[in-house]
Each structure stands twice: as C-alpha cells, then as structure tokens.
Amino acid sequence: MTGLALVVGTLVLARTCRPEVALVVLLELMTGAGLLRLAVDPTVTRVATAAGILLVRRLSVGAITARRAHPLPAA
C-alpha cells in the first residue's frame, strides 16, 4: 500500500506540478493505509507508525494552509 501511495503521489506531482498537493495526497493515502493496518492487527509498532504519520500530516497540511493564507512577498 505504501508503494502505491508513493506512485500516486508522484503521478499527482507530475500532473499538477504542485508539490504541496502531491504531499497532501500522499499523506492522506498513507494515513488510510496506516488506519487499515491498525484495524487488522493493532500492535504498539503500528499504533506508533500511524501516530507518526498523523503528526506529519497535521503539521504539513497546517504549514501548507498557512502558506496559502499568507504567501511570502516576492523578492
């Protein structure tokens, strides 16, 4: 599932030329994959992995949203 998420993220990047969109798609797919793994066999390692993915997703999407709301001035 992780490999498929990387392929889809790469395709989104190639199609849109927008890394922030590709990152959001990748993180959404990784979140879904992590939650599916937790539903099948909830181990401490899988909980920690899912929590790490959710943390990265939350921070990344928050930074992207903040950058869109307040873009950097052109140099």
N, C-alpha and C. Protein backbone atom coordinates (compact mmCIF):
# COMPACT_ATOMS: atom_id res chain seq x y z
N MET A 1 0.82 -1.19 0.00
CA MET A 1 0.00 0.00 0.00
C MET A 1 0.87 1.26 0.00
N THR A 2 1.98 1.23 0.73
CA THR A 2 2.86 2.39 0.77
C THR A 2 3.45 2.67 -0.60
N GLY A 3 3.84 1.62 -1.31
CA GLY A 3 4.38 1.79 -2.66
C GLY A 3 3.36 2.41 -3.59
N LEU A 4 2.12 1.98 -3.49
CA LEU A 4 1.05 2.54 -4.31
C LEU A 4 0.82 4.00 -3.97
N ALA A 5 0.89 4.35 -2.69
CA ALA A 5 0.74 5.74 -2.28
C ALA A 5 1.85 6.61 -2.87
N LEU A 6 3.08 6.09 -2.89
CA LEU A 6 4.20 6.82 -3.48
C LEU A 6 4.01 7.02 -4.98
N VAL A 7 3.52 5.98 -5.65
CA VAL A 7 3.27 6.09 -7.09
C VAL A 7 2.20 7.14 -7.37
N VAL A 8 1.11 7.09 -6.61
CA VAL A 8 0.02 8.06 -6.81
C VAL A 8 0.51 9.48 -6.50
N GLY A 9 1.26 9.64 -5.42
CA GLY A 9 1.81 10.96 -5.09
C GLY A 9 2.71 11.49 -6.19
N THR A 10 3.53 10.63 -6.77
CA THR A 10 4.41 11.02 -7.87
C THR A 10 3.60 11.40 -9.10
N LEU A 11 2.56 10.64 -9.38
CA LEU A 11 1.70 10.97 -10.52
C LEU A 11 0.99 12.31 -10.32
N VAL A 12 0.53 12.57 -9.11
CA VAL A 12 -0.11 13.86 -8.83
C VAL A 12 0.90 14.99 -9.00
N LEU A 13 2.12 14.79 -8.54
CA LEU A 13 3.16 15.80 -8.71
C LEU A 13 3.44 16.04 -10.19
N ALA A 14 3.55 14.97 -10.96
CA ALA A 14 3.84 15.11 -12.39
C ALA A 14 2.68 15.81 -13.12
N ARG A 15 1.48 15.51 -12.70
CA ARG A 15 0.30 16.07 -13.39
C ARG A 15 0.04 17.53 -13.01
N THR A 16 0.21 17.86 -11.72
CA THR A 16 -0.13 19.21 -11.26
C THR A 16 1.06 20.15 -11.14
N CYS A 17 2.27 19.59 -11.03
CA CYS A 17 3.49 20.39 -10.79
C CYS A 17 3.38 21.20 -9.51
N ARG A 18 2.62 20.69 -8.55
CA ARG A 18 2.45 21.36 -7.26
C ARG A 18 2.81 20.39 -6.15
N PRO A 19 4.01 20.53 -5.60
CA PRO A 19 4.46 19.59 -4.57
C PRO A 19 3.55 19.54 -3.35
N GLU A 20 2.95 20.69 -2.98
CA GLU A 20 2.11 20.69 -1.79
C GLU A 20 0.86 19.83 -1.99
N VAL A 21 0.31 19.83 -3.18
CA VAL A 21 -0.86 19.00 -3.47
C VAL A 21 -0.46 17.52 -3.45
N ALA A 22 0.67 17.20 -4.06
CA ALA A 22 1.15 15.82 -4.08
C ALA A 22 1.44 15.32 -2.67
N LEU A 23 1.99 16.18 -1.82
CA LEU A 23 2.28 15.80 -0.45
C LEU A 23 1.00 15.52 0.33
N VAL A 24 0.00 16.35 0.15
CA VAL A 24 -1.28 16.13 0.84
C VAL A 24 -1.90 14.81 0.40
N VAL A 25 -1.89 14.54 -0.91
CA VAL A 25 -2.44 13.27 -1.41
C VAL A 25 -1.66 12.09 -0.84
N LEU A 26 -0.35 12.18 -0.86
CA LEU A 26 0.49 11.10 -0.32
C LEU A 26 0.19 10.86 1.15
N LEU A 27 0.12 11.92 1.93
CA LEU A 27 -0.14 11.77 3.36
C LEU A 27 -1.54 11.24 3.65
N GLU A 28 -2.52 11.63 2.85
CA GLU A 28 -3.88 11.09 3.03
C GLU A 28 -3.89 9.59 2.77
N LEU A 29 -3.21 9.16 1.71
CA LEU A 29 -3.16 7.73 1.40
C LEU A 29 -2.38 6.95 2.46
N MET A 30 -1.29 7.54 2.95
CA MET A 30 -0.52 6.89 4.00
C MET A 30 -1.33 6.78 5.29
N THR A 31 -2.12 7.81 5.59
CA THR A 31 -2.98 7.77 6.77
C THR A 31 -4.01 6.65 6.64
N GLY A 32 -4.64 6.56 5.49
CA GLY A 32 -5.60 5.49 5.27
C GLY A 32 -4.97 4.11 5.39
N ALA A 33 -3.79 3.95 4.82
CA ALA A 33 -3.10 2.66 4.90
C ALA A 33 -2.75 2.32 6.34
N GLY A 34 -2.29 3.30 7.09
CA GLY A 34 -1.95 3.06 8.49
C GLY A 34 -3.16 2.67 9.33
N LEU A 35 -4.29 3.33 9.07
CA LEU A 35 -5.50 3.01 9.81
C LEU A 35 -6.04 1.63 9.44
N LEU A 36 -5.90 1.26 8.16
CA LEU A 36 -6.31 -0.09 7.76
C LEU A 36 -5.46 -1.15 8.45
N ARG A 37 -4.15 -0.90 8.53
CA ARG A 37 -3.27 -1.85 9.22
C ARG A 37 -3.63 -1.98 10.69
N LEU A 38 -4.01 -0.84 11.29
CA LEU A 38 -4.42 -0.87 12.70
C LEU A 38 -5.70 -1.69 12.90
N ALA A 39 -6.61 -1.60 11.95
CA ALA A 39 -7.87 -2.33 12.07
C ALA A 39 -7.65 -3.84 12.00
N VAL A 40 -6.62 -4.26 11.26
CA VAL A 40 -6.36 -5.69 11.10
C VAL A 40 -5.63 -6.27 12.31
N ASP A 41 -4.57 -5.59 12.73
CA ASP A 41 -3.75 -6.11 13.83
C ASP A 41 -3.13 -4.95 14.60
N PRO A 42 -3.81 -4.48 15.64
CA PRO A 42 -3.30 -3.32 16.37
C PRO A 42 -2.14 -3.66 17.30
N THR A 43 -0.93 -3.43 16.83
CA THR A 43 0.26 -3.62 17.67
C THR A 43 0.80 -2.25 18.08
N VAL A 44 1.67 -2.24 19.04
CA VAL A 44 2.27 -0.99 19.51
C VAL A 44 3.03 -0.31 18.37
N THR A 45 3.75 -1.08 17.58
CA THR A 45 4.51 -0.52 16.46
C THR A 45 3.58 0.12 15.44
N ARG A 46 2.47 -0.52 15.13
CA ARG A 46 1.54 0.03 14.16
C ARG A 46 0.83 1.27 14.69
N VAL A 47 0.53 1.29 15.97
CA VAL A 47 -0.07 2.49 16.58
C VAL A 47 0.92 3.64 16.50
N ALA A 48 2.19 3.38 16.82
CA ALA A 48 3.22 4.42 16.77
C ALA A 48 3.43 4.92 15.34
N THR A 49 3.41 4.01 14.38
CA THR A 49 3.57 4.40 12.98
C THR A 49 2.41 5.27 12.52
N ALA A 50 1.20 4.86 12.84
CA ALA A 50 0.02 5.63 12.46
C ALA A 50 0.04 7.01 13.14
N ALA A 51 0.44 7.05 14.40
CA ALA A 51 0.52 8.33 15.11
C ALA A 51 1.56 9.24 14.47
N GLY A 52 2.69 8.68 14.07
CA GLY A 52 3.73 9.47 13.39
C GLY A 52 3.24 10.02 12.07
N ILE A 53 2.54 9.20 11.29
CA ILE A 53 2.01 9.66 10.01
C ILE A 53 0.98 10.76 10.23
N LEU A 54 0.12 10.58 11.23
CA LEU A 54 -0.89 11.61 11.52
C LEU A 54 -0.24 12.92 11.97
N LEU A 55 0.83 12.83 12.75
CA LEU A 55 1.54 14.04 13.18
C LEU A 55 2.16 14.77 12.00
N VAL A 56 2.85 14.02 11.14
CA VAL A 56 3.46 14.64 9.95
C VAL A 56 2.39 15.24 9.06
N ARG A 57 1.28 14.52 8.89
CA ARG A 57 0.18 15.01 8.06
C ARG A 57 -0.37 16.32 8.64
N ARG A 58 -0.62 16.32 9.93
CA ARG A 58 -1.19 17.51 10.58
C ARG A 58 -0.27 18.72 10.44
N LEU A 59 1.01 18.53 10.70
CA LEU A 59 1.97 19.63 10.61
C LEU A 59 2.14 20.11 9.16
N SER A 60 2.21 19.19 8.23
CA SER A 60 2.41 19.54 6.82
C SER A 60 1.21 20.28 6.25
N VAL A 61 0.03 19.75 6.49
CA VAL A 61 -1.18 20.39 5.96
C VAL A 61 -1.37 21.76 6.62
N GLY A 62 -1.06 21.85 7.91
CA GLY A 62 -1.15 23.14 8.59
C GLY A 62 -0.19 24.17 8.00
N ALA A 63 1.03 23.74 7.71
CA ALA A 63 2.02 24.66 7.11
C ALA A 63 1.61 25.07 5.70
N ILE A 64 1.07 24.14 4.93
CA ILE A 64 0.63 24.45 3.56
C ILE A 64 -0.54 25.43 3.61
N THR A 65 -1.48 25.20 4.51
CA THR A 65 -2.64 26.07 4.64
C THR A 65 -2.21 27.47 5.08
N ALA A 66 -1.28 27.54 6.02
CA ALA A 66 -0.80 28.84 6.49
C ALA A 66 -0.07 29.59 5.38
N ARG A 67 0.69 28.85 4.57
CA ARG A 67 1.42 29.49 3.48
C ARG A 67 0.47 30.03 2.43
N ARG A 68 -0.61 29.31 2.17
CA ARG A 68 -1.60 29.80 1.21
C ARG A 68 -2.32 31.04 1.71
N ALA A 69 -2.60 31.09 3.02
CA ALA A 69 -3.30 32.22 3.60
C ALA A 69 -2.40 33.45 3.68
N HIS A 70 -1.11 33.25 3.87
CA HIS A 70 -0.15 34.35 4.00
C HIS A 70 1.07 34.07 3.13
N PRO A 71 0.97 34.24 1.82
CA PRO A 71 2.12 33.95 0.96
C PRO A 71 3.29 34.87 1.24
N LEU A 72 4.49 34.36 0.99
CA LEU A 72 5.70 35.15 1.17
C LEU A 72 5.76 36.25 0.11
N PRO A 73 6.27 37.43 0.48
CA PRO A 73 6.38 38.51 -0.51
C PRO A 73 7.42 38.15 -1.58
N ALA A 74 7.16 38.60 -2.78
CA ALA A 74 8.10 38.34 -3.90
C ALA A 74 9.38 39.14 -3.67
N ALA A 75 10.50 38.51 -3.96
CA ALA A 75 11.79 39.18 -3.76
C ALA A 75 12.17 40.00 -4.97
